[in-house]
């Protein structure tokens, strides 16, 4: 509790072997966490100090409250829960034969902040986190990440409730089904950043949602406000929502549910939505997409309707007179 770690090398505040639980990380500050140089690595294939995070957890059953990670070379918080049991001195202990860190319950993640990360503010990936019950991150603040404010992949039953994501290249990148985002403020380019560089647009997307293969649902958004999409004096390509797919997947469901989604004054609703194909040549006709806005919460008119890409398959049975052009 209440420690300061400055200009350190390798993961900083950690539980290392996947078995350490019920530890409290309260009100700590980590600044300028650096990657471990190649010549100082120990050679363990599970070691990841060459991608050092200020807070690194191999078991999520720890209480993480009121911490700040600032200026890390890679990132602030990483839940790298081991998939096949503990490692280090505990991997061969008989009492841990059936112990799976990847499925342990979350202790807590409340009122934590991360900023100015070289890569991702918060990382929920490799191998991901799949507890047996729902879990929630409360009042999270992530800003000025060079890549993602939070990257969610291989995760189930997650809710992100409350907080601010500002001036990240991509505020939230979500690969998972049924992730709930609620009571959030997402600022793509803040007034402060704009004042410092009037021609620069910092944020590219608020929520970048992968269109999931198979029959999974997408994300759920409740009471989320977007701002900073339109920056005076700069040509921005920013969008609040961006759906995209990866090559090689033939079935897609972008079944994202939204309610009470709004924009701050000065942000145009037409800039909320974008469909993005990651490759110019798309062999699976993913340029033909439909998005149903069931209650009009993200629509230009405020009424229920559909977004349809202008490909022949998506618009074959849609009379021209019923549509209005959308720039993206």
C-alpha atoms as a PDB file:
ATOM      1  CA  UNK A   1       0.000   0.000   0.000  1.00  0.00           C
ATOM      2  CA  UNK A   2       1.019   3.604  -0.798  1.00  0.00           C
ATOM      3  CA  UNK A   3       4.291   2.783  -2.509  1.00  0.00           C
ATOM      4  CA  UNK A   4       6.024   4.717  -5.281  1.00  0.00           C
ATOM      5  CA  UNK A   5       8.112   2.886  -7.893  1.00  0.00           C
ATOM      6  CA  UNK A   6      10.044   5.048 -10.357  1.00  0.00           C
ATOM      7  CA  UNK A   7      12.039   4.107 -13.462  1.00  0.00           C
ATOM      8  CA  UNK A   8      12.027   0.366 -12.799  1.00  0.00           C
ATOM      9  CA  UNK A   9      12.839  -2.519 -15.167  1.00  0.00           C
ATOM     10  CA  UNK A  10      10.521  -5.473 -15.792  1.00  0.00           C
ATOM     11  CA  UNK A  11       7.072  -5.977 -14.307  1.00  0.00           C
ATOM     12  CA  UNK A  12       6.788  -3.868 -11.171  1.00  0.00           C
ATOM     13  CA  UNK A  13       3.860  -4.604  -8.791  1.00  0.00           C
ATOM     14  CA  UNK A  14       3.120  -8.302  -9.319  1.00  0.00           C
ATOM     15  CA  UNK A  15       1.871 -11.667  -8.146  1.00  0.00           C
ATOM     16  CA  UNK A  16       4.281 -13.899  -9.985  1.00  0.00           C
ATOM     17  CA  UNK A  17       3.514 -17.603 -10.010  1.00  0.00           C
ATOM     18  CA  UNK A  18      -0.260 -17.797 -10.416  1.00  0.00           C
ATOM     19  CA  UNK A  19      -0.993 -19.069  -6.901  1.00  0.00           C
ATOM     20  CA  UNK A  20      -0.696 -15.862  -4.870  1.00  0.00           C
ATOM     21  CA  UNK A  21      -4.183 -14.698  -3.863  1.00  0.00           C
ATOM     22  CA  UNK A  22      -5.982 -12.265  -1.538  1.00  0.00           C
ATOM     23  CA  UNK A  23      -3.226  -9.672  -1.852  1.00  0.00           C
ATOM     24  CA  UNK A  24      -4.065  -5.963  -1.618  1.00  0.00           C
ATOM     25  CA  UNK A  25      -2.559  -3.462  -4.044  1.00  0.00           C
ATOM     26  CA  UNK A  26      -3.889  -0.150  -2.676  1.00  0.00           C
ATOM     27  CA  UNK A  27      -2.975   3.408  -3.685  1.00  0.00           C
ATOM     28  CA  UNK A  28       0.350   2.675  -5.346  1.00  0.00           C
ATOM     29  CA  UNK A  29       2.066   4.775  -8.012  1.00  0.00           C
ATOM     30  CA  UNK A  30       4.296   3.297 -10.714  1.00  0.00           C
ATOM     31  CA  UNK A  31       6.122   5.640 -13.101  1.00  0.00           C
ATOM     32  CA  UNK A  32       8.274   4.901 -16.167  1.00  0.00           C
ATOM     33  CA  UNK A  33       8.241   1.112 -16.087  1.00  0.00           C
ATOM     34  CA  UNK A  34      10.833  -0.117 -18.617  1.00  0.00           C
ATOM     35  CA  UNK A  35      11.131  -3.393 -20.519  1.00  0.00           C
ATOM     36  CA  UNK A  36      13.681  -5.932 -19.387  1.00  0.00           C
ATOM     37  CA  UNK A  37      16.729  -5.822 -21.720  1.00  0.00           C
ATOM     38  CA  UNK A  38      17.440  -8.987 -23.672  1.00  0.00           C
ATOM     39  CA  UNK A  39      20.756  -9.623 -21.922  1.00  0.00           C
ATOM     40  CA  UNK A  40      19.020  -9.674 -18.509  1.00  0.00           C
ATOM     41  CA  UNK A  41      16.270 -12.167 -19.341  1.00  0.00           C
ATOM     42  CA  UNK A  42      16.354 -15.496 -17.522  1.00  0.00           C
ATOM     43  CA  UNK A  43      15.321 -17.616 -20.506  1.00  0.00           C
ATOM     44  CA  UNK A  44      12.020 -18.934 -19.124  1.00  0.00           C
ATOM     45  CA  UNK A  45       9.550 -19.142 -22.075  1.00  0.00           C
ATOM     46  CA  UNK A  46       6.774 -17.880 -19.786  1.00  0.00           C
ATOM     47  CA  UNK A  47       8.721 -14.786 -18.840  1.00  0.00           C
ATOM     48  CA  UNK A  48       7.218 -11.574 -20.223  1.00  0.00           C
ATOM     49  CA  UNK A  49       9.331  -8.871 -18.590  1.00  0.00           C
ATOM     50  CA  UNK A  50      10.456  -7.817 -22.061  1.00  0.00           C
ATOM     51  CA  UNK A  51       6.869  -6.500 -22.362  1.00  0.00           C
ATOM     52  CA  UNK A  52       6.817  -5.034 -18.881  1.00  0.00           C
ATOM     53  CA  UNK A  53       3.657  -3.646 -17.288  1.00  0.00           C
ATOM     54  CA  UNK A  54       3.576  -1.592 -14.118  1.00  0.00           C
ATOM     55  CA  UNK A  55       0.954  -3.892 -12.549  1.00  0.00           C
ATOM     56  CA  UNK A  56       1.147  -7.540 -13.659  1.00  0.00           C
ATOM     57  CA  UNK A  57      -1.175 -10.200 -12.300  1.00  0.00           C
ATOM     58  CA  UNK A  58      -0.984 -13.936 -12.996  1.00  0.00           C
ATOM     59  CA  UNK A  59      -3.996 -14.581 -10.773  1.00  0.00           C
ATOM     60  CA  UNK A  60      -6.912 -12.133 -10.757  1.00  0.00           C
ATOM     61  CA  UNK A  61      -7.948 -12.906  -7.179  1.00  0.00           C
ATOM     62  CA  UNK A  62      -6.197  -9.801  -5.834  1.00  0.00           C
ATOM     63  CA  UNK A  63      -7.652  -6.459  -4.724  1.00  0.00           C
ATOM     64  CA  UNK A  64      -6.485  -3.613  -6.938  1.00  0.00           C
ATOM     65  CA  UNK A  65      -7.784  -0.258  -5.692  1.00  0.00           C
ATOM     66  CA  UNK A  66      -6.753   3.364  -6.233  1.00  0.00           C
ATOM     67  CA  UNK A  67      -3.541   2.712  -8.154  1.00  0.00           C
ATOM     68  CA  UNK A  68      -1.902   4.818 -10.887  1.00  0.00           C
ATOM     69  CA  UNK A  69       0.432   3.673 -13.663  1.00  0.00           C
ATOM     70  CA  UNK A  70       2.122   6.448 -15.649  1.00  0.00           C
ATOM     71  CA  UNK A  71       4.475   6.564 -18.601  1.00  0.00           C
ATOM     72  CA  UNK A  72       5.270   2.859 -18.927  1.00  0.00           C
ATOM     73  CA  UNK A  73       7.200   1.765 -21.982  1.00  0.00           C
ATOM     74  CA  UNK A  74       4.516  -0.849 -22.690  1.00  0.00           C
ATOM     75  CA  UNK A  75       1.543  -0.471 -20.367  1.00  0.00           C
ATOM     76  CA  UNK A  76      -0.097  -0.099 -16.983  1.00  0.00           C
ATOM     77  CA  UNK A  77      -2.163  -3.174 -15.985  1.00  0.00           C
ATOM     78  CA  UNK A  78      -1.890  -6.670 -17.457  1.00  0.00           C
ATOM     79  CA  UNK A  79      -3.878  -9.700 -16.350  1.00  0.00           C
ATOM     80  CA  UNK A  80      -1.696 -12.485 -17.775  1.00  0.00           C
ATOM     81  CA  UNK A  81      -3.440 -15.365 -16.051  1.00  0.00           C
ATOM     82  CA  UNK A  82      -1.684 -18.660 -16.681  1.00  0.00           C
ATOM     83  CA  UNK A  83      -3.845 -21.166 -18.500  1.00  0.00           C
ATOM     84  CA  UNK A  84      -2.302 -24.491 -17.550  1.00  0.00           C
ATOM     85  CA  UNK A  85      -1.640 -24.086 -13.856  1.00  0.00           C
ATOM     86  CA  UNK A  86       0.975 -22.249 -11.804  1.00  0.00           C
ATOM     87  CA  UNK A  87       4.571 -21.937 -12.857  1.00  0.00           C
ATOM     88  CA  UNK A  88       7.871 -21.400 -11.147  1.00  0.00           C
ATOM     89  CA  UNK A  89       8.427 -23.456  -7.983  1.00  0.00           C
ATOM     90  CA  UNK A  90       4.705 -24.339  -7.707  1.00  0.00           C
ATOM     91  CA  UNK A  91       4.081 -25.942 -11.097  1.00  0.00           C
ATOM     92  CA  UNK A  92       4.873 -29.482  -9.905  1.00  0.00           C
ATOM     93  CA  UNK A  93       3.335 -29.284  -6.445  1.00  0.00           C
ATOM     94  CA  UNK A  94       0.620 -31.973  -6.096  1.00  0.00           C
ATOM     95  CA  UNK A  95      -1.742 -29.624  -4.233  1.00  0.00           C
ATOM     96  CA  UNK A  96      -1.854 -27.374  -7.316  1.00  0.00           C
ATOM     97  CA  UNK A  97      -2.425 -30.156  -9.845  1.00  0.00           C
ATOM     98  CA  UNK A  98      -5.977 -28.941 -10.628  1.00  0.00           C
ATOM     99  CA  UNK A  99      -5.388 -25.249  -9.928  1.00  0.00           C
ATOM    100  CA  UNK A 100      -6.214 -22.999 -12.903  1.00  0.00           C
ATOM    101  CA  UNK A 101      -5.318 -19.294 -12.431  1.00  0.00           C
ATOM    102  CA  UNK A 102      -7.289 -18.374 -15.549  1.00  0.00           C
ATOM    103  CA  UNK A 103     -10.612 -19.221 -13.894  1.00  0.00           C
ATOM    104  CA  UNK A 104     -10.074 -17.764 -10.408  1.00  0.00           C
ATOM    105  CA  UNK A 105     -12.553 -15.094  -9.368  1.00  0.00           C
ATOM    106  CA  UNK A 106     -11.637 -11.414  -9.550  1.00  0.00           C
ATOM    107  CA  UNK A 107     -10.697  -9.869  -6.220  1.00  0.00           C
ATOM    108  CA  UNK A 108     -11.494  -6.273  -7.205  1.00  0.00           C
ATOM    109  CA  UNK A 109     -10.483  -3.571  -9.678  1.00  0.00           C
ATOM    110  CA  UNK A 110     -11.725  -0.188  -8.470  1.00  0.00           C
ATOM    111  CA  UNK A 111     -10.750   3.435  -9.125  1.00  0.00           C
ATOM    112  CA  UNK A 112      -7.506   2.741 -10.966  1.00  0.00           C
ATOM    113  CA  UNK A 113      -5.868   5.037 -13.532  1.00  0.00           C
ATOM    114  CA  UNK A 114      -3.320   4.625 -16.292  1.00  0.00           C
ATOM    115  CA  UNK A 115      -1.896   7.194 -18.672  1.00  0.00           C
ATOM    116  CA  UNK A 116       0.828   7.879 -21.215  1.00  0.00           C
ATOM    117  CA  UNK A 117       1.487   4.212 -21.990  1.00  0.00           C
ATOM    118  CA  UNK A 118       3.670   3.340 -24.957  1.00  0.00           C
ATOM    119  CA  UNK A 119       1.332   0.506 -25.893  1.00  0.00           C
ATOM    120  CA  UNK A 120      -1.844  -0.429 -23.988  1.00  0.00           C
ATOM    121  CA  UNK A 121      -3.195   1.024 -20.801  1.00  0.00           C
ATOM    122  CA  UNK A 122      -4.917  -2.186 -19.652  1.00  0.00           C
ATOM    123  CA  UNK A 123      -4.345  -5.562 -21.251  1.00  0.00           C
ATOM    124  CA  UNK A 124      -6.707  -8.523 -20.859  1.00  0.00           C
ATOM    125  CA  UNK A 125      -5.039 -10.895 -23.275  1.00  0.00           C
ATOM    126  CA  UNK A 126      -2.653 -13.810 -23.581  1.00  0.00           C
ATOM    127  CA  UNK A 127      -4.098 -16.117 -22.518  1.00  0.00           C
ATOM    128  CA  UNK A 128      -7.137 -14.074 -21.487  1.00  0.00           C
ATOM    129  CA  UNK A 129      -9.305 -14.429 -18.400  1.00  0.00           C
ATOM    130  CA  UNK A 130     -12.315 -16.725 -18.048  1.00  0.00           C
ATOM    131  CA  UNK A 131     -13.668 -16.792 -14.510  1.00  0.00           C
ATOM    132  CA  UNK A 132     -16.699 -18.892 -13.721  1.00  0.00           C
ATOM    133  CA  UNK A 133     -18.808 -15.896 -12.658  1.00  0.00           C
ATOM    134  CA  UNK A 134     -19.331 -12.329 -13.918  1.00  0.00           C
ATOM    135  CA  UNK A 135     -16.870  -9.646 -12.841  1.00  0.00           C
ATOM    136  CA  UNK A 136     -16.699  -5.847 -13.015  1.00  0.00           C
ATOM    137  CA  UNK A 137     -14.037  -3.161 -13.295  1.00  0.00           C
ATOM    138  CA  UNK A 138     -15.319   0.012 -11.592  1.00  0.00           C
ATOM    139  CA  UNK A 139     -14.405   3.665 -12.249  1.00  0.00           C
ATOM    140  CA  UNK A 140     -11.476   3.070 -14.567  1.00  0.00           C
ATOM    141  CA  UNK A 141      -9.536   5.943 -16.123  1.00  0.00           C
ATOM    142  CA  UNK A 142      -7.252   5.401 -19.110  1.00  0.00           C
ATOM    143  CA  UNK A 143      -5.831   8.183 -21.222  1.00  0.00           C
ATOM    144  CA  UNK A 144      -3.044   8.995 -23.650  1.00  0.00           C
ATOM    145  CA  UNK A 145      -2.269   5.385 -24.528  1.00  0.00           C
ATOM    146  CA  UNK A 146      -0.358   5.103 -27.767  1.00  0.00           C
ATOM    147  CA  UNK A 147      -2.433   2.085 -28.769  1.00  0.00           C
ATOM    148  CA  UNK A 148      -5.459   0.950 -26.708  1.00  0.00           C
ATOM    149  CA  UNK A 149      -6.898   2.317 -23.501  1.00  0.00           C
ATOM    150  CA  UNK A 150      -8.032  -1.244 -22.761  1.00  0.00           C
ATOM    151  CA  UNK A 151      -7.608  -4.361 -24.904  1.00  0.00           C
ATOM    152  CA  UNK A 152     -10.078  -7.187 -24.144  1.00  0.00           C
ATOM    153  CA  UNK A 153      -9.472 -10.603 -25.728  1.00  0.00           C
ATOM    154  CA  UNK A 154     -10.139 -14.133 -24.517  1.00  0.00           C
ATOM    155  CA  UNK A 155     -12.313 -12.806 -21.690  1.00  0.00           C
ATOM    156  CA  UNK A 156     -15.805 -13.764 -20.545  1.00  0.00           C
ATOM    157  CA  UNK A 157     -18.452 -12.235 -18.252  1.00  0.00           C
ATOM    158  CA  UNK A 158     -16.800  -8.798 -18.091  1.00  0.00           C
ATOM    159  CA  UNK A 159     -18.443  -5.461 -17.252  1.00  0.00           C
ATOM    160  CA  UNK A 160     -16.643  -2.122 -17.441  1.00  0.00           C
ATOM    161  CA  UNK A 161     -18.732   0.192 -15.238  1.00  0.00           C
ATOM    162  CA  UNK A 162     -17.896   3.860 -14.804  1.00  0.00           C
ATOM    163  CA  UNK A 163     -14.864   5.881 -15.747  1.00  0.00           C
ATOM    164  CA  UNK A 164     -13.254   7.942 -18.485  1.00  0.00           C
ATOM    165  CA  UNK A 165     -11.247   6.921 -21.552  1.00  0.00           C
ATOM    166  CA  UNK A 166      -9.609   9.901 -23.220  1.00  0.00           C
ATOM    167  CA  UNK A 167      -6.963  10.631 -25.876  1.00  0.00           C
ATOM    168  CA  UNK A 168      -6.182   6.985 -26.575  1.00  0.00           C
ATOM    169  CA  UNK A 169      -5.590   5.934 -30.165  1.00  0.00           C
ATOM    170  CA  UNK A 170      -8.380   3.395 -29.611  1.00  0.00           C
ATOM    171  CA  UNK A 171     -10.201   3.790 -26.312  1.00  0.00           C
ATOM    172  CA  UNK A 172     -11.613   0.247 -26.092  1.00  0.00           C
ATOM    173  CA  UNK A 173     -10.793  -2.712 -28.341  1.00  0.00           C
ATOM    174  CA  UNK A 174     -13.079  -5.633 -27.641  1.00  0.00           C
ATOM    175  CA  UNK A 175     -12.830  -9.093 -29.205  1.00  0.00           C
ATOM    176  CA  UNK A 176     -15.396 -10.703 -26.959  1.00  0.00           C
ATOM    177  CA  UNK A 177     -19.084 -11.427 -26.829  1.00  0.00           C
ATOM    178  CA  UNK A 178     -21.455  -9.954 -24.273  1.00  0.00           C
ATOM    179  CA  UNK A 179     -18.944  -7.551 -22.764  1.00  0.00           C
ATOM    180  CA  UNK A 180     -20.929  -4.801 -21.014  1.00  0.00           C
ATOM    181  CA  UNK A 181     -19.802  -1.166 -21.132  1.00  0.00           C
ATOM    182  CA  UNK A 182     -21.855   1.179 -18.962  1.00  0.00           C
ATOM    183  CA  UNK A 183     -21.723   4.648 -17.425  1.00  0.00           C
ATOM    184  CA  UNK A 184     -18.623   5.631 -19.406  1.00  0.00           C
ATOM    185  CA  UNK A 185     -17.312   8.836 -20.929  1.00  0.00           C
ATOM    186  CA  UNK A 186     -15.218   8.298 -24.056  1.00  0.00           C
ATOM    187  CA  UNK A 187     -13.264  11.291 -25.355  1.00  0.00           C
ATOM    188  CA  UNK A 188     -11.386  10.715 -28.591  1.00  0.00           C
ATOM    189  CA  UNK A 189      -9.507  14.038 -28.645  1.00  0.00           C
ATOM    190  CA  UNK A 190      -9.825  16.221 -25.556  1.00  0.00           C
ATOM    191  CA  UNK A 191      -9.839  20.007 -25.540  1.00  0.00           C
ATOM    192  CA  UNK A 192      -6.476  20.046 -23.755  1.00  0.00           C
ATOM    193  CA  UNK A 193      -4.779  17.898 -26.405  1.00  0.00           C
ATOM    194  CA  UNK A 194      -6.424  19.932 -29.145  1.00  0.00           C
ATOM    195  CA  UNK A 195      -5.150  23.185 -27.645  1.00  0.00           C
ATOM    196  CA  UNK A 196      -1.600  21.850 -27.617  1.00  0.00           C
ATOM    197  CA  UNK A 197      -1.789  20.622 -31.212  1.00  0.00           C
ATOM    198  CA  UNK A 198      -4.719  22.171 -33.099  1.00  0.00           C
ATOM    199  CA  UNK A 199      -4.205  20.129 -36.287  1.00  0.00           C
ATOM    200  CA  UNK A 200      -3.823  16.761 -34.561  1.00  0.00           C
ATOM    201  CA  UNK A 201      -6.521  14.160 -33.933  1.00  0.00           C
ATOM    202  CA  UNK A 202      -5.382  11.778 -31.216  1.00  0.00           C
ATOM    203  CA  UNK A 203      -8.183   9.223 -31.103  1.00  0.00           C
ATOM    204  CA  UNK A 204      -9.199   6.953 -33.969  1.00  0.00           C
ATOM    205  CA  UNK A 205     -12.079   5.005 -32.407  1.00  0.00           C
ATOM    206  CA  UNK A 206     -14.031   4.980 -29.172  1.00  0.00           C
ATOM    207  CA  UNK A 207     -15.149   1.343 -29.208  1.00  0.00           C
ATOM    208  CA  UNK A 208     -13.576  -0.946 -31.798  1.00  0.00           C
ATOM    209  CA  UNK A 209     -15.688  -4.086 -31.764  1.00  0.00           C
ATOM    210  CA  UNK A 210     -14.651  -7.216 -33.609  1.00  0.00           C
ATOM    211  CA  UNK A 211     -17.494  -8.768 -35.576  1.00  0.00           C
ATOM    212  CA  UNK A 212     -17.485 -12.169 -33.960  1.00  0.00           C
ATOM    213  CA  UNK A 213     -17.281 -15.462 -35.847  1.00  0.00           C
ATOM    214  CA  UNK A 214     -20.016 -17.997 -35.281  1.00  0.00           C
ATOM    215  CA  UNK A 215     -23.096 -17.069 -33.283  1.00  0.00           C
ATOM    216  CA  UNK A 216     -21.705 -14.934 -30.490  1.00  0.00           C
ATOM    217  CA  UNK A 217     -23.267 -11.645 -29.548  1.00  0.00           C
ATOM    218  CA  UNK A 218     -21.360  -8.404 -29.647  1.00  0.00           C
ATOM    219  CA  UNK A 219     -20.954  -5.797 -26.946  1.00  0.00           C
ATOM    220  CA  UNK A 220     -23.635  -4.168 -24.782  1.00  0.00           C
ATOM    221  CA  UNK A 221     -23.464  -0.399 -24.266  1.00  0.00           C
ATOM    222  CA  UNK A 222     -25.535   1.412 -21.640  1.00  0.00           C
ATOM    223  CA  UNK A 223     -25.293   5.106 -20.795  1.00  0.00           C
ATOM    224  CA  UNK A 224     -22.087   5.799 -22.744  1.00  0.00           C
ATOM    225  CA  UNK A 225     -21.247   9.327 -23.916  1.00  0.00           C
ATOM    226  CA  UNK A 226     -18.867  10.111 -26.774  1.00  0.00           C
ATOM    227  CA  UNK A 227     -17.097  13.401 -27.433  1.00  0.00           C
ATOM    228  CA  UNK A 228     -14.048  14.803 -29.196  1.00  0.00           C
ATOM    229  CA  UNK A 229     -14.865  13.185 -32.533  1.00  0.00           C
ATOM    230  CA  UNK A 230     -15.004  16.472 -34.442  1.00  0.00           C
ATOM    231  CA  UNK A 231     -11.919  18.611 -33.961  1.00  0.00           C
ATOM    232  CA  UNK A 232     -11.908  22.143 -35.366  1.00  0.00           C
ATOM    233  CA  UNK A 233      -9.035  22.767 -37.734  1.00  0.00           C
ATOM    234  CA  UNK A 234      -8.126  19.094 -38.175  1.00  0.00           C
ATOM    235  CA  UNK A 235      -9.268  16.459 -40.634  1.00  0.00           C
ATOM    236  CA  UNK A 236     -10.255  13.574 -38.387  1.00  0.00           C
ATOM    237  CA  UNK A 237     -11.280  10.044 -39.298  1.00  0.00           C
ATOM    238  CA  UNK A 238     -12.489   9.288 -35.792  1.00  0.00           C
ATOM    239  CA  UNK A 239     -15.652   7.348 -35.008  1.00  0.00           C
ATOM    240  CA  UNK A 240     -17.397   6.440 -31.793  1.00  0.00           C
ATOM    241  CA  UNK A 241     -18.165   2.851 -32.871  1.00  0.00           C
ATOM    242  CA  UNK A 242     -16.072   0.862 -35.318  1.00  0.00           C
ATOM    243  CA  UNK A 243     -16.918  -2.691 -36.293  1.00  0.00           C
ATOM    244  CA  UNK A 244     -14.308  -4.724 -38.126  1.00  0.00           C
ATOM    245  CA  UNK A 245     -13.415  -8.269 -39.035  1.00  0.00           C
ATOM    246  CA  UNK A 246     -10.296 -10.339 -39.622  1.00  0.00           C
ATOM    247  CA  UNK A 247      -9.548 -12.214 -42.807  1.00  0.00           C
ATOM    248  CA  UNK A 248     -10.244 -15.940 -42.880  1.00  0.00           C
ATOM    249  CA  UNK A 249     -13.528 -16.016 -40.960  1.00  0.00           C
ATOM    250  CA  UNK A 250     -16.649 -16.812 -42.963  1.00  0.00           C
ATOM    251  CA  UNK A 251     -19.469 -16.215 -40.459  1.00  0.00           C
ATOM    252  CA  UNK A 252     -19.953 -12.992 -38.579  1.00  0.00           C
ATOM    253  CA  UNK A 253     -22.417 -11.614 -36.060  1.00  0.00           C
ATOM    254  CA  UNK A 254     -22.066  -7.987 -35.071  1.00  0.00           C
ATOM    255  CA  UNK A 255     -25.023  -8.124 -32.703  1.00  0.00           C
ATOM    256  CA  UNK A 256     -24.140  -5.133 -30.560  1.00  0.00           C
ATOM    257  CA  UNK A 257     -26.857  -3.701 -28.288  1.00  0.00           C
ATOM    258  CA  UNK A 258     -26.935  -0.033 -27.358  1.00  0.00           C
ATOM    259  CA  UNK A 259     -29.144   2.056 -25.104  1.00  0.00           C
ATOM    260  CA  UNK A 260     -28.929   5.621 -23.850  1.00  0.00           C
ATOM    261  CA  UNK A 261     -25.818   6.325 -25.924  1.00  0.00           C
ATOM    262  CA  UNK A 262     -25.209  10.034 -26.388  1.00  0.00           C
ATOM    263  CA  UNK A 263     -22.822  12.641 -27.683  1.00  0.00           C
ATOM    264  CA  UNK A 264     -21.446  15.664 -25.887  1.00  0.00           C
ATOM    265  CA  UNK A 265     -22.168  19.167 -27.280  1.00  0.00           C
ATOM    266  CA  UNK A 266     -20.227  19.780 -30.487  1.00  0.00           C
ATOM    267  CA  UNK A 267     -20.083  16.116 -31.487  1.00  0.00           C
ATOM    268  CA  UNK A 268     -22.143  15.153 -34.521  1.00  0.00           C
ATOM    269  CA  UNK A 269     -24.076  11.915 -34.361  1.00  0.00           C
ATOM    270  CA  UNK A 270     -23.135  11.091 -37.945  1.00  0.00           C
ATOM    271  CA  UNK A 271     -19.598  10.450 -36.706  1.00  0.00           C
ATOM    272  CA  UNK A 272     -20.607   7.710 -34.297  1.00  0.00           C
ATOM    273  CA  UNK A 273     -20.595   4.700 -36.621  1.00  0.00           C
ATOM    274  CA  UNK A 274     -18.118   3.098 -39.018  1.00  0.00           C
ATOM    275  CA  UNK A 275     -17.772  -0.362 -40.534  1.00  0.00           C
ATOM    276  CA  UNK A 276     -14.133  -1.216 -41.248  1.00  0.00           C
ATOM    277  CA  UNK A 277     -12.710  -4.041 -43.330  1.00  0.00           C
ATOM    278  CA  UNK A 278      -9.105  -4.677 -42.424  1.00  0.00           C
ATOM    279  CA  UNK A 279      -8.100  -5.679 -45.961  1.00  0.00           C
ATOM    280  CA  UNK A 280      -8.968  -3.892 -49.202  1.00  0.00           C
ATOM    281  CA  UNK A 281      -9.755  -7.160 -50.991  1.00  0.00           C
ATOM    282  CA  UNK A 282     -12.474  -8.926 -49.054  1.00  0.00           C
ATOM    283  CA  UNK A 283     -13.233 -12.463 -50.340  1.00  0.00           C
ATOM    284  CA  UNK A 284     -16.158 -12.961 -47.960  1.00  0.00           C
ATOM    285  CA  UNK A 285     -18.308  -9.997 -49.045  1.00  0.00           C
ATOM    286  CA  UNK A 286     -17.840  -8.266 -45.730  1.00  0.00           C
ATOM    287  CA  UNK A 287     -18.342  -4.937 -47.461  1.00  0.00           C
ATOM    288  CA  UNK A 288     -22.025  -5.877 -47.335  1.00  0.00           C
ATOM    289  CA  UNK A 289     -23.095  -5.257 -43.776  1.00  0.00           C
ATOM    290  CA  UNK A 290     -26.244  -4.320 -41.896  1.00  0.00           C
ATOM    291  CA  UNK A 291     -26.564  -2.734 -38.465  1.00  0.00           C
ATOM    292  CA  UNK A 292     -29.972  -2.464 -36.834  1.00  0.00           C
ATOM    293  CA  UNK A 293     -30.459   0.558 -34.588  1.00  0.00           C
ATOM    294  CA  UNK A 294     -33.461  -0.860 -32.783  1.00  0.00           C
ATOM    295  CA  UNK A 295     -34.427   2.192 -30.717  1.00  0.00           C
ATOM    296  CA  UNK A 296     -32.789   5.055 -32.617  1.00  0.00           C
ATOM    297  CA  UNK A 297     -30.198   5.696 -29.930  1.00  0.00           C
ATOM    298  CA  UNK A 298     -27.338   6.096 -32.418  1.00  0.00           C
ATOM    299  CA  UNK A 299     -29.244   7.072 -35.544  1.00  0.00           C
ATOM    300  CA  UNK A 300     -29.064  10.373 -37.370  1.00  0.00           C
ATOM    301  CA  UNK A 301     -32.813  10.868 -37.086  1.00  0.00           C
ATOM    302  CA  UNK A 302     -33.313   9.542 -33.571  1.00  0.00           C
ATOM    303  CA  UNK A 303     -35.704   6.919 -34.940  1.00  0.00           C
ATOM    304  CA  UNK A 304     -35.242   3.152 -35.292  1.00  0.00           C
ATOM    305  CA  UNK A 305     -33.699   1.986 -38.538  1.00  0.00           C
ATOM    306  CA  UNK A 306     -30.750   0.321 -40.245  1.00  0.00           C
ATOM    307  CA  UNK A 307     -27.278   1.223 -41.377  1.00  0.00           C
ATOM    308  CA  UNK A 308     -26.546  -0.593 -44.650  1.00  0.00           C
ATOM    309  CA  UNK A 309     -23.316  -0.566 -46.614  1.00  0.00           C
ATOM    310  CA  UNK A 310     -23.783   0.514 -50.229  1.00  0.00           C
ATOM    311  CA  UNK A 311     -22.937  -2.882 -51.715  1.00  0.00           C
ATOM    312  CA  UNK A 312     -25.458  -4.610 -53.986  1.00  0.00           C
ATOM    313  CA  UNK A 313     -26.258  -7.403 -51.545  1.00  0.00           C
ATOM    314  CA  UNK A 314     -27.006  -5.102 -48.624  1.00  0.00           C
ATOM    315  CA  UNK A 315     -29.287  -2.773 -50.591  1.00  0.00           C
ATOM    316  CA  UNK A 316     -30.898  -5.154 -53.107  1.00  0.00           C
ATOM    317  CA  UNK A 317     -34.358  -4.880 -51.533  1.00  0.00           C
ATOM    318  CA  UNK A 318     -34.121  -1.361 -50.137  1.00  0.00           C
ATOM    319  CA  UNK A 319     -35.862   1.405 -52.104  1.00  0.00           C
ATOM    320  CA  UNK A 320     -33.461   4.306 -52.758  1.00  0.00           C
ATOM    321  CA  UNK A 321     -35.960   6.838 -51.505  1.00  0.00           C
ATOM    322  CA  UNK A 322     -35.907   5.363 -48.001  1.00  0.00           C
ATOM    323  CA  UNK A 323     -32.160   5.852 -47.496  1.00  0.00           C
ATOM    324  CA  UNK A 324     -29.909   8.765 -46.670  1.00  0.00           C
ATOM    325  CA  UNK A 325     -26.181   8.778 -47.433  1.00  0.00           C
ATOM    326  CA  UNK A 326     -23.815   8.360 -44.507  1.00  0.00           C
ATOM    327  CA  UNK A 327     -20.198   9.460 -45.102  1.00  0.00           C
ATOM    328  CA  UNK A 328     -18.645   6.249 -43.707  1.00  0.00           C
END
